[in-house]
PDB file of N, CA and C in Angstrom:
ATOM      1  N   MET A   1     -42.669 -74.265  11.403  1.00  0.00           N
ATOM      2  CA  MET A   1     -43.830 -75.004  10.933  1.00  0.00           C
ATOM      3  C   MET A   1     -45.003 -74.030  10.863  1.00  0.00           C
ATOM      4  N   ASP A   2     -45.781 -74.105   9.781  1.00  0.00           N
ATOM      5  CA  ASP A   2     -46.900 -73.168   9.695  1.00  0.00           C
ATOM      6  C   ASP A   2     -48.060 -73.634  10.570  1.00  0.00           C
ATOM      7  N   GLU A   3     -48.970 -72.710  10.836  1.00  0.00           N
ATOM      8  CA  GLU A   3     -50.063 -72.963  11.784  1.00  0.00           C
ATOM      9  C   GLU A   3     -50.955 -74.128  11.364  1.00  0.00           C
ATOM     10  N   GLY A   4     -51.252 -74.259  10.066  1.00  0.00           N
ATOM     11  CA  GLY A   4     -52.114 -75.341   9.595  1.00  0.00           C
ATOM     12  C   GLY A   4     -51.517 -76.709   9.845  1.00  0.00           C
ATOM     13  N   LYS A   5     -50.218 -76.851   9.586  1.00  0.00           N
ATOM     14  CA  LYS A   5     -49.562 -78.138   9.816  1.00  0.00           C
ATOM     15  C   LYS A   5     -49.538 -78.483  11.294  1.00  0.00           C
ATOM     16  N   ARG A   6     -49.321 -77.508  12.155  1.00  0.00           N
ATOM     17  CA  ARG A   6     -49.274 -77.759  13.591  1.00  0.00           C
ATOM     18  C   ARG A   6     -50.638 -78.231  14.093  1.00  0.00           C
ATOM     19  N   MET A   7     -51.721 -77.670  13.564  1.00  0.00           N
ATOM     20  CA  MET A   7     -53.051 -78.036  14.035  1.00  0.00           C
ATOM     21  C   MET A   7     -53.418 -79.467  13.622  1.00  0.00           C
ATOM     22  N   ASP A   8     -52.932 -79.928  12.469  1.00  0.00           N
ATOM     23  CA  ASP A   8     -53.248 -81.273  12.004  1.00  0.00           C
ATOM     24  C   ASP A   8     -52.404 -82.339  12.691  1.00  0.00           C
ATOM     25  N   HIS A   9     -51.219 -81.981  13.098  1.00  0.00           N
ATOM     26  CA  HIS A   9     -50.228 -82.876  13.690  1.00  0.00           C
ATOM     27  C   HIS A   9     -50.780 -83.522  14.969  1.00  0.00           C
ATOM     28  N   VAL A  10     -50.657 -84.863  15.093  1.00  0.00           N
ATOM     29  CA  VAL A  10     -51.150 -85.560  16.288  1.00  0.00           C
ATOM     30  C   VAL A  10     -50.135 -86.602  16.763  1.00  0.00           C
ATOM     31  N   PHE A  11     -50.271 -86.963  18.031  1.00  0.00           N
ATOM     32  CA  PHE A  11     -49.559 -88.094  18.614  1.00  0.00           C
ATOM     33  C   PHE A  11     -50.607 -89.152  18.928  1.00  0.00           C
ATOM     34  N   VAL A  12     -50.236 -90.405  18.777  1.00  0.00           N
ATOM     35  CA  VAL A  12     -51.142 -91.502  19.086  1.00  0.00           C
ATOM     36  C   VAL A  12     -50.453 -92.402  20.107  1.00  0.00           C
ATOM     37  N   LEU A  13     -51.139 -92.656  21.208  1.00  0.00           N
ATOM     38  CA  LEU A  13     -50.649 -93.569  22.231  1.00  0.00           C
ATOM     39  C   LEU A  13     -51.431 -94.872  22.097  1.00  0.00           C
ATOM     40  N   ILE A  14     -50.721 -95.945  21.814  1.00  0.00           N
ATOM     41  CA  ILE A  14     -51.330 -97.263  21.665  1.00  0.00           C
ATOM     42  C   ILE A  14     -50.899 -98.106  22.855  1.00  0.00           C
ATOM     43  N   GLU A  15     -51.858 -98.775  23.484  1.00  0.00           N
ATOM     44  CA  GLU A  15     -51.551 -99.670  24.597  1.00  0.00           C
ATOM     45  C   GLU A  15     -52.140-101.041  24.299  1.00  0.00           C
ATOM     46  N   ILE A  16     -51.318-102.073  24.468  1.00  0.00           N
ATOM     47  CA  ILE A  16     -51.797-103.446  24.353  1.00  0.00           C
ATOM     48  C   ILE A  16     -51.301-104.228  25.560  1.00  0.00           C
ATOM     49  N   GLN A  17     -52.036-105.280  25.905  1.00  0.00           N
ATOM     50  CA  GLN A  17     -51.615-106.130  27.013  1.00  0.00           C
ATOM     51  C   GLN A  17     -51.727-107.582  26.578  1.00  0.00           C
ATOM     52  N   ALA A  18     -50.621-108.301  26.740  1.00  0.00           N
ATOM     53  CA  ALA A  18     -50.571-109.709  26.352  1.00  0.00           C
ATOM     54  C   ALA A  18     -51.277-110.585  27.375  1.00  0.00           C
ATOM     55  N   VAL A  19     -51.890-111.640  26.891  1.00  0.00           N
ATOM     56  CA  VAL A  19     -52.423-112.688  27.758  1.00  0.00           C
ATOM     57  C   VAL A  19     -51.219-113.383  28.397  1.00  0.00           C
ATOM     58  N   ALA A  20     -51.351-113.765  29.658  1.00  0.00           N
ATOM     59  CA  ALA A  20     -50.261-114.450  30.364  1.00  0.00           C
ATOM     60  C   ALA A  20     -49.746-115.628  29.541  1.00  0.00           C
ATOM     61  N   GLY A  21     -48.436-115.719  29.437  1.00  0.00           N
ATOM     62  CA  GLY A  21     -47.815-116.782  28.668  1.00  0.00           C
ATOM     63  C   GLY A  21     -47.484-116.396  27.238  1.00  0.00           C
ATOM     64  N   HIS A  22     -48.013-115.267  26.761  1.00  0.00           N
ATOM     65  CA  HIS A  22     -47.771-114.809  25.387  1.00  0.00           C
ATOM     66  C   HIS A  22     -46.965-113.507  25.349  1.00  0.00           C
ATOM     67  N   GLU A  23     -46.390-113.108  26.474  1.00  0.00           N
ATOM     68  CA  GLU A  23     -45.675-111.830  26.548  1.00  0.00           C
ATOM     69  C   GLU A  23     -44.530-111.742  25.533  1.00  0.00           C
ATOM     70  N   ASP A  24     -43.712-112.787  25.458  1.00  0.00           N
ATOM     71  CA  ASP A  24     -42.561-112.746  24.550  1.00  0.00           C
ATOM     72  C   ASP A  24     -42.995-112.660  23.091  1.00  0.00           C
ATOM     73  N   GLN A  25     -43.998-113.430  22.728  1.00  0.00           N
ATOM     74  CA  GLN A  25     -44.479-113.419  21.345  1.00  0.00           C
ATOM     75  C   GLN A  25     -45.081-112.060  20.987  1.00  0.00           C
ATOM     76  N   ILE A  26     -45.883-111.491  21.868  1.00  0.00           N
ATOM     77  CA  ILE A  26     -46.487-110.183  21.597  1.00  0.00           C
ATOM     78  C   ILE A  26     -45.404-109.103  21.560  1.00  0.00           C
ATOM     79  N   ARG A  27     -44.438-109.168  22.471  1.00  0.00           N
ATOM     80  CA  ARG A  27     -43.332-108.196  22.477  1.00  0.00           C
ATOM     81  C   ARG A  27     -42.624-108.207  21.120  1.00  0.00           C
ATOM     82  N   GLU A  28     -42.250-109.392  20.670  1.00  0.00           N
ATOM     83  CA  GLU A  28     -41.530-109.527  19.406  1.00  0.00           C
ATOM     84  C   GLU A  28     -42.368-109.022  18.232  1.00  0.00           C
ATOM     85  N   THR A  29     -43.628-109.414  18.193  1.00  0.00           N
ATOM     86  CA  THR A  29     -44.516-108.998  17.106  1.00  0.00           C
ATOM     87  C   THR A  29     -44.750-107.496  17.122  1.00  0.00           C
ATOM     88  N   PHE A  30     -44.996-106.923  18.295  1.00  0.00           N
ATOM     89  CA  PHE A  30     -45.265-105.488  18.426  1.00  0.00           C
ATOM     90  C   PHE A  30     -44.059-104.674  17.964  1.00  0.00           C
ATOM     91  N   VAL A  31     -42.880-105.031  18.453  1.00  0.00           N
ATOM     92  CA  VAL A  31     -41.659-104.304  18.070  1.00  0.00           C
ATOM     93  C   VAL A  31     -41.424-104.428  16.571  1.00  0.00           C
ATOM     94  N   HIS A  32     -41.537-105.627  16.034  1.00  0.00           N
ATOM     95  CA  HIS A  32     -41.317-105.842  14.602  1.00  0.00           C
ATOM     96  C   HIS A  32     -42.319-105.042  13.767  1.00  0.00           C
ATOM     97  N   THR A  33     -43.578-105.082  14.148  1.00  0.00           N
ATOM     98  CA  THR A  33     -44.623-104.383  13.399  1.00  0.00           C
ATOM     99  C   THR A  33     -44.408-102.877  13.406  1.00  0.00           C
ATOM    100  N   ILE A  34     -44.115-102.312  14.560  1.00  0.00           N
ATOM    101  CA  ILE A  34     -43.928-100.861  14.658  1.00  0.00           C
ATOM    102  C   ILE A  34     -42.690-100.422  13.879  1.00  0.00           C
ATOM    103  N   LYS A  35     -41.617-101.186  13.964  1.00  0.00           N
ATOM    104  CA  LYS A  35     -40.356-100.771  13.338  1.00  0.00           C
ATOM    105  C   LYS A  35     -40.283-101.027  11.840  1.00  0.00           C
ATOM    106  N   THR A  36     -41.033-101.980  11.310  1.00  0.00           N
ATOM    107  CA  THR A  36     -40.825-102.372   9.913  1.00  0.00           C
ATOM    108  C   THR A  36     -41.977-102.073   8.963  1.00  0.00           C
ATOM    109  N   SER A  37     -43.163-101.830   9.454  1.00  0.00           N
ATOM    110  CA  SER A  37     -44.266-101.617   8.512  1.00  0.00           C
ATOM    111  C   SER A  37     -44.205-100.208   7.932  1.00  0.00           C
ATOM    112  N   HIS A  38     -44.521-100.105   6.641  1.00  0.00           N
ATOM    113  CA  HIS A  38     -44.517 -98.813   5.944  1.00  0.00           C
ATOM    114  C   HIS A  38     -45.788 -98.060   6.315  1.00  0.00           C
ATOM    115  N   LYS A  39     -45.613 -96.847   6.798  1.00  0.00           N
ATOM    116  CA  LYS A  39     -46.755 -96.060   7.254  1.00  0.00           C
ATOM    117  C   LYS A  39     -46.668 -94.654   6.668  1.00  0.00           C
ATOM    118  N   PRO A  40     -47.314 -94.395   5.545  1.00  0.00           N
ATOM    119  CA  PRO A  40     -47.315 -93.026   5.027  1.00  0.00           C
ATOM    120  C   PRO A  40     -47.932 -92.078   6.055  1.00  0.00           C
ATOM    121  N   GLY A  41     -47.264 -90.981   6.309  1.00  0.00           N
ATOM    122  CA  GLY A  41     -47.783 -89.987   7.249  1.00  0.00           C
ATOM    123  C   GLY A  41     -47.212 -90.078   8.645  1.00  0.00           C
ATOM    124  N   ILE A  42     -46.473 -91.145   8.955  1.00  0.00           N
ATOM    125  CA  ILE A  42     -45.898 -91.242  10.298  1.00  0.00           C
ATOM    126  C   ILE A  42     -44.568 -90.491  10.328  1.00  0.00           C
ATOM    127  N   ARG A  43     -44.343 -89.772  11.409  1.00  0.00           N
ATOM    128  CA  ARG A  43     -43.094 -89.029  11.583  1.00  0.00           C
ATOM    129  C   ARG A  43     -42.121 -89.779  12.479  1.00  0.00           C
ATOM    130  N   SER A  44     -42.630 -90.413  13.521  1.00  0.00           N
ATOM    131  CA  SER A  44     -41.763 -91.159  14.436  1.00  0.00           C
ATOM    132  C   SER A  44     -42.610 -92.121  15.253  1.00  0.00           C
ATOM    133  N   ALA A  45     -41.929 -93.102  15.847  1.00  0.00           N
ATOM    134  CA  ALA A  45     -42.606 -94.059  16.728  1.00  0.00           C
ATOM    135  C   ALA A  45     -41.612 -94.550  17.769  1.00  0.00           C
ATOM    136  N   GLN A  46     -42.072 -94.619  18.989  1.00  0.00           N
ATOM    137  CA  GLN A  46     -41.288 -95.170  20.084  1.00  0.00           C
ATOM    138  C   GLN A  46     -42.090 -96.308  20.698  1.00  0.00           C
ATOM    139  N   ILE A  47     -41.376 -97.300  21.224  1.00  0.00           N
ATOM    140  CA  ILE A  47     -42.021 -98.483  21.787  1.00  0.00           C
ATOM    141  C   ILE A  47     -41.561 -98.643  23.229  1.00  0.00           C
ATOM    142  N   PHE A  48     -42.509 -98.973  24.107  1.00  0.00           N
ATOM    143  CA  PHE A  48     -42.218 -99.094  25.536  1.00  0.00           C
ATOM    144  C   PHE A  48     -42.882-100.345  26.102  1.00  0.00           C
ATOM    145  N   GLU A  49     -42.311-100.838  27.209  1.00  0.00           N
ATOM    146  CA  GLU A  49     -42.967-101.871  28.010  1.00  0.00           C
ATOM    147  C   GLU A  49     -43.077-101.323  29.424  1.00  0.00           C
ATOM    148  N   HIS A  50     -44.205-101.541  30.050  1.00  0.00           N
ATOM    149  CA  HIS A  50     -44.431-101.060  31.414  1.00  0.00           C
ATOM    150  C   HIS A  50     -43.338-101.610  32.322  1.00  0.00           C
ATOM    151  N   ALA A  51     -42.746-100.755  33.148  1.00  0.00           N
ATOM    152  CA  ALA A  51     -41.605-101.142  33.987  1.00  0.00           C
ATOM    153  C   ALA A  51     -41.950-102.198  35.032  1.00  0.00           C
ATOM    154  N   SER A  52     -43.169-102.168  35.548  1.00  0.00           N
ATOM    155  CA  SER A  52     -43.520-103.123  36.608  1.00  0.00           C
ATOM    156  C   SER A  52     -44.624-104.101  36.207  1.00  0.00           C
ATOM    157  N   GLU A  53     -45.077-104.038  34.959  1.00  0.00           N
ATOM    158  CA  GLU A  53     -46.107-104.957  34.462  1.00  0.00           C
ATOM    159  C   GLU A  53     -45.666-105.555  33.128  1.00  0.00           C
ATOM    160  N   PRO A  54     -44.794-106.565  33.169  1.00  0.00           N
ATOM    161  CA  PRO A  54     -44.371-107.193  31.915  1.00  0.00           C
ATOM    162  C   PRO A  54     -45.583-107.659  31.108  1.00  0.00           C
ATOM    163  N   GLY A  55     -45.505-107.448  29.807  1.00  0.00           N
ATOM    164  CA  GLY A  55     -46.614-107.838  28.944  1.00  0.00           C
ATOM    165  C   GLY A  55     -47.566-106.699  28.627  1.00  0.00           C
ATOM    166  N   ARG A  56     -47.344-105.524  29.228  1.00  0.00           N
ATOM    167  CA  ARG A  56     -48.139-104.329  28.900  1.00  0.00           C
ATOM    168  C   ARG A  56     -47.230-103.424  28.065  1.00  0.00           C
ATOM    169  N   PHE A  57     -47.637-103.188  26.811  1.00  0.00           N
ATOM    170  CA  PHE A  57     -46.796-102.479  25.848  1.00  0.00           C
ATOM    171  C   PHE A  57     -47.474-101.207  25.357  1.00  0.00           C
ATOM    172  N   TYR A  58     -46.629-100.249  24.978  1.00  0.00           N
ATOM    173  CA  TYR A  58     -47.103 -98.954  24.498  1.00  0.00           C
ATOM    174  C   TYR A  58     -46.302 -98.548  23.269  1.00  0.00           C
ATOM    175  N   SER A  59     -46.932 -97.820  22.388  1.00  0.00           N
ATOM    176  CA  SER A  59     -46.224 -97.140  21.311  1.00  0.00           C
ATOM    177  C   SER A  59     -46.735 -95.707  21.277  1.00  0.00           C
ATOM    178  N   LEU A  60     -45.799 -94.764  21.260  1.00  0.00           N
ATOM    179  CA  LEU A  60     -46.142 -93.356  21.096  1.00  0.00           C
ATOM    180  C   LEU A  60     -45.702 -92.980  19.693  1.00  0.00           C
ATOM    181  N   GLN A  61     -46.682 -92.647  18.857  1.00  0.00           N
ATOM    182  CA  GLN A  61     -46.419 -92.368  17.452  1.00  0.00           C
ATOM    183  C   GLN A  61     -46.772 -90.926  17.127  1.00  0.00           C
ATOM    184  N   GLU A  62     -45.958 -90.330  16.292  1.00  0.00           N
ATOM    185  CA  GLU A  62     -46.186 -88.958  15.832  1.00  0.00           C
ATOM    186  C   GLU A  62     -46.637 -89.041  14.373  1.00  0.00           C
ATOM    187  N   TRP A  63     -47.806 -88.456  14.077  1.00  0.00           N
ATOM    188  CA  TRP A  63     -48.399 -88.518  12.743  1.00  0.00           C
ATOM    189  C   TRP A  63     -48.596 -87.120  12.171  1.00  0.00           C
ATOM    190  N   GLU A  64     -48.535 -87.007  10.855  1.00  0.00           N
ATOM    191  CA  GLU A  64     -48.774 -85.731  10.182  1.00  0.00           C
ATOM    192  C   GLU A  64     -50.194 -85.237  10.425  1.00  0.00           C
ATOM    193  N   SER A  65     -51.133 -86.178  10.551  1.00  0.00           N
ATOM    194  CA  SER A  65     -52.530 -85.810  10.787  1.00  0.00           C
ATOM    195  C   SER A  65     -53.282 -87.011  11.349  1.00  0.00           C
ATOM    196  N   GLU A  66     -54.417 -86.739  11.958  1.00  0.00           N
ATOM    197  CA  GLU A  66     -55.273 -87.825  12.435  1.00  0.00           C
ATOM    198  C   GLU A  66     -55.785 -88.641  11.257  1.00  0.00           C
ATOM    199  N   ALA A  67     -56.056 -87.971  10.138  1.00  0.00           N
ATOM    200  CA  ALA A  67     -56.542 -88.681   8.950  1.00  0.00           C
ATOM    201  C   ALA A  67     -55.514 -89.697   8.457  1.00  0.00           C
ATOM    202  N   ALA A  68     -54.234 -89.345   8.476  1.00  0.00           N
ATOM    203  CA  ALA A  68     -53.178 -90.280   8.055  1.00  0.00           C
ATOM    204  C   ALA A  68     -53.144 -91.498   8.971  1.00  0.00           C
ATOM    205  N   PHE A  69     -53.284 -91.269  10.277  1.00  0.00           N
ATOM    206  CA  PHE A  69     -53.308 -92.389  11.224  1.00  0.00           C
ATOM    207  C   PHE A  69     -54.515 -93.286  10.965  1.00  0.00           C
ATOM    208  N   ARG A  70     -55.685 -92.696  10.810  1.00  0.00           N
ATOM    209  CA  ARG A  70     -56.908 -93.487  10.605  1.00  0.00           C
ATOM    210  C   ARG A  70     -56.832 -94.292   9.302  1.00  0.00           C
ATOM    211  N   GLU A  71     -56.249 -93.700   8.273  1.00  0.00           N
ATOM    212  CA  GLU A  71     -56.092 -94.421   7.011  1.00  0.00           C
ATOM    213  C   GLU A  71     -55.172 -95.630   7.210  1.00  0.00           C
ATOM    214  N   HIS A  72     -54.101 -95.440   7.947  1.00  0.00           N
ATOM    215  CA  HIS A  72     -53.195 -96.557   8.251  1.00  0.00           C
ATOM    216  C   HIS A  72     -53.932 -97.659   9.017  1.00  0.00           C
ATOM    217  N   MET A  73     -54.720 -97.291  10.011  1.00  0.00           N
ATOM    218  CA  MET A  73     -55.420 -98.282  10.830  1.00  0.00           C
ATOM    219  C   MET A  73     -56.427 -99.087  10.015  1.00  0.00           C
ATOM    220  N   THR A  74     -57.053 -98.458   9.035  1.00  0.00           N
ATOM    221  CA  THR A  74     -58.000 -99.164   8.174  1.00  0.00           C
ATOM    222  C   THR A  74     -57.305-100.323   7.468  1.00  0.00           C
ATOM    223  N   GLY A  75     -56.078-100.102   7.021  1.00  0.00           N
ATOM    224  CA  GLY A  75     -55.326-101.147   6.336  1.00  0.00           C
ATOM    225  C   GLY A  75     -54.653-102.135   7.266  1.00  0.00           C
ATOM    226  N   SER A  76     -54.624-101.858   8.553  1.00  0.00           N
ATOM    227  CA  SER A  76     -53.908-102.706   9.519  1.00  0.00           C
ATOM    228  C   SER A  76     -54.804-103.698  10.243  1.00  0.00           C
ATOM    229  N   ARG A  77     -56.065-103.658  10.030  1.00  0.00           N
ATOM    230  CA  ARG A  77     -57.006-104.499  10.784  1.00  0.00           C
ATOM    231  C   ARG A  77     -56.728-105.995  10.638  1.00  0.00           C
ATOM    232  N   GLU A  78     -56.361-106.446   9.427  1.00  0.00           N
ATOM    233  CA  GLU A  78     -56.160-107.882   9.199  1.00  0.00           C
ATOM    234  C   GLU A  78     -55.066-108.448  10.097  1.00  0.00           C
ATOM    235  N   GLY A  79     -53.919-107.778  10.177  1.00  0.00           N
ATOM    236  CA  GLY A  79     -52.825-108.249  11.020  1.00  0.00           C
ATOM    237  C   GLY A  79     -53.199-108.267  12.484  1.00  0.00           C
ATOM    238  N   LEU A  80     -53.990-107.295  12.907  1.00  0.00           N
ATOM    239  CA  LEU A  80     -54.421-107.214  14.297  1.00  0.00           C
ATOM    240  C   LEU A  80     -55.341-108.374  14.652  1.00  0.00           C
ATOM    241  N   ASP A  81     -56.229-108.724  13.750  1.00  0.00           N
ATOM    242  CA  ASP A  81     -57.170-109.816  14.015  1.00  0.00           C
ATOM    243  C   ASP A  81     -56.446-111.120  14.345  1.00  0.00           C
ATOM    244  N   SER A  82     -55.325-111.385  13.687  1.00  0.00           N
ATOM    245  CA  SER A  82     -54.600-112.636  13.926  1.00  0.00           C
ATOM    246  C   SER A  82     -53.923-112.657  15.295  1.00  0.00           C
ATOM    247  N   GLN A  83     -53.722-111.503  15.923  1.00  0.00           N
ATOM    248  CA  GLN A  83     -53.059-111.416  17.227  1.00  0.00           C
ATOM    249  C   GLN A  83     -54.036-111.315  18.399  1.00  0.00           C
ATOM    250  N   MET A  84     -55.307-111.087  18.145  1.00  0.00           N
ATOM    251  CA  MET A  84     -56.268-110.806  19.215  1.00  0.00           C
ATOM    252  C   MET A  84     -56.372-111.916  20.260  1.00  0.00           C
ATOM    253  N   ALA A  85     -56.198-113.165  19.886  1.00  0.00           N
ATOM    254  CA  ALA A  85     -56.301-114.261  20.856  1.00  0.00           C
ATOM    255  C   ALA A  85     -55.198-114.191  21.907  1.00  0.00           C
ATOM    256  N   MET A  86     -54.109-113.479  21.592  1.00  0.00           N
ATOM    257  CA  MET A  86     -52.994-113.359  22.538  1.00  0.00           C
ATOM    258  C   MET A  86     -53.025-112.052  23.326  1.00  0.00           C
ATOM    259  N   LEU A  87     -54.074-111.254  23.121  1.00  0.00           N
ATOM    260  CA  LEU A  87     -54.206-109.967  23.813  1.00  0.00           C
ATOM    261  C   LEU A  87     -55.367-109.996  24.794  1.00  0.00           C
ATOM    262  N   ARG A  88     -55.235-109.224  25.857  1.00  0.00           N
ATOM    263  CA  ARG A  88     -56.337-109.043  26.821  1.00  0.00           C
ATOM    264  C   ARG A  88     -57.213-107.903  26.326  1.00  0.00           C
ATOM    265  N   GLY A  89     -57.979-108.162  25.314  1.00  0.00           N
ATOM    266  CA  GLY A  89     -58.870-107.149  24.765  1.00  0.00           C
ATOM    267  C   GLY A  89     -58.236-106.371  23.628  1.00  0.00           C
ATOM    268  N   ALA A  90     -59.032-105.495  23.062  1.00  0.00           N
ATOM    269  CA  ALA A  90     -58.589-104.680  21.929  1.00  0.00           C
ATOM    270  C   ALA A  90     -57.558-103.650  22.385  1.00  0.00           C
ATOM    271  N   PRO A  91     -56.676-103.239  21.471  1.00  0.00           N
ATOM    272  CA  PRO A  91     -55.727-102.183  21.813  1.00  0.00           C
ATOM    273  C   PRO A  91     -56.457-100.901  22.208  1.00  0.00           C
ATOM    274  N   SER A  92     -55.859-100.178  23.126  1.00  0.00           N
ATOM    275  CA  SER A  92     -56.376 -98.870  23.520  1.00  0.00           C
ATOM    276  C   SER A  92     -55.660 -97.816  22.685  1.00  0.00           C
ATOM    277  N   LEU A  93     -56.433 -96.949  22.035  1.00  0.00           N
ATOM    278  CA  LEU A  93     -55.870 -95.881  21.210  1.00  0.00           C
ATOM    279  C   LEU A  93     -56.274 -94.536  21.790  1.00  0.00           C
ATOM    280  N   THR A  94     -55.299 -93.669  22.010  1.00  0.00           N
ATOM    281  CA  THR A  94     -55.564 -92.319  22.488  1.00  0.00           C
ATOM    282  C   THR A  94     -54.898 -91.347  21.531  1.00  0.00           C
ATOM    283  N   ILE A  95     -55.673 -90.436  20.968  1.00  0.00           N
ATOM    284  CA  ILE A  95     -55.130 -89.439  20.050  1.00  0.00           C
ATOM    285  C   ILE A  95     -54.916 -88.147  20.827  1.00  0.00           C
ATOM    286  N   LEU A  96     -53.691 -87.645  20.751  1.00  0.00           N
ATOM    287  CA  LEU A  96     -53.281 -86.463  21.514  1.00  0.00           C
ATOM    288  C   LEU A  96     -52.855 -85.353  20.560  1.00  0.00           C
ATOM    289  N   LYS A  97     -53.212 -84.128  20.894  1.00  0.00           N
ATOM    290  CA  LYS A  97     -52.761 -82.959  20.136  1.00  0.00           C
ATOM    291  C   LYS A  97     -51.803 -82.164  21.001  1.00  0.00           C
ATOM    292  N   SER A  98     -50.713 -81.749  20.403  1.00  0.00           N
ATOM    293  CA  SER A  98     -49.694 -80.994  21.124  1.00  0.00           C
ATOM    294  C   SER A  98     -50.214 -79.614  21.511  1.00  0.00           C
ATOM    295  N   LEU A  99     -49.877 -79.191  22.701  1.00  0.00           N
ATOM    296  CA  LEU A  99     -50.254 -77.850  23.159  1.00  0.00           C
ATOM    297  C   LEU A  99     -49.144 -76.834  22.914  1.00  0.00           C
ATOM    298  N   GLY A 100     -48.074 -77.285  22.363  1.00  0.00           N
ATOM    299  CA  GLY A 100     -46.996 -76.334  22.074  1.00  0.00           C
ATOM    300  C   GLY A 100     -45.664 -76.972  21.976  1.00  0.00           C
TER     301      GLY A 100
END
């Protein structure tokens, strides 16, 4: 991989937490959304649930660039708005750059 591509490449850690009683619905929606939505610029995505806190979910996504991720998020706001009543606050987004 050339140096320019490596510098643009990012990982995004997304964390969401379901409101009590909505864990199954959020789990199903989160998994379906991550696995089936078309995302130009995404290289891979993994989905996790906290081992000791059911209802706390994570996705670790690998993107070609931060710009590609941000462009995707701009188009994803509508779907997120419909799920907010079942979440304990807004999703947490952390953008990570690989050190090697």
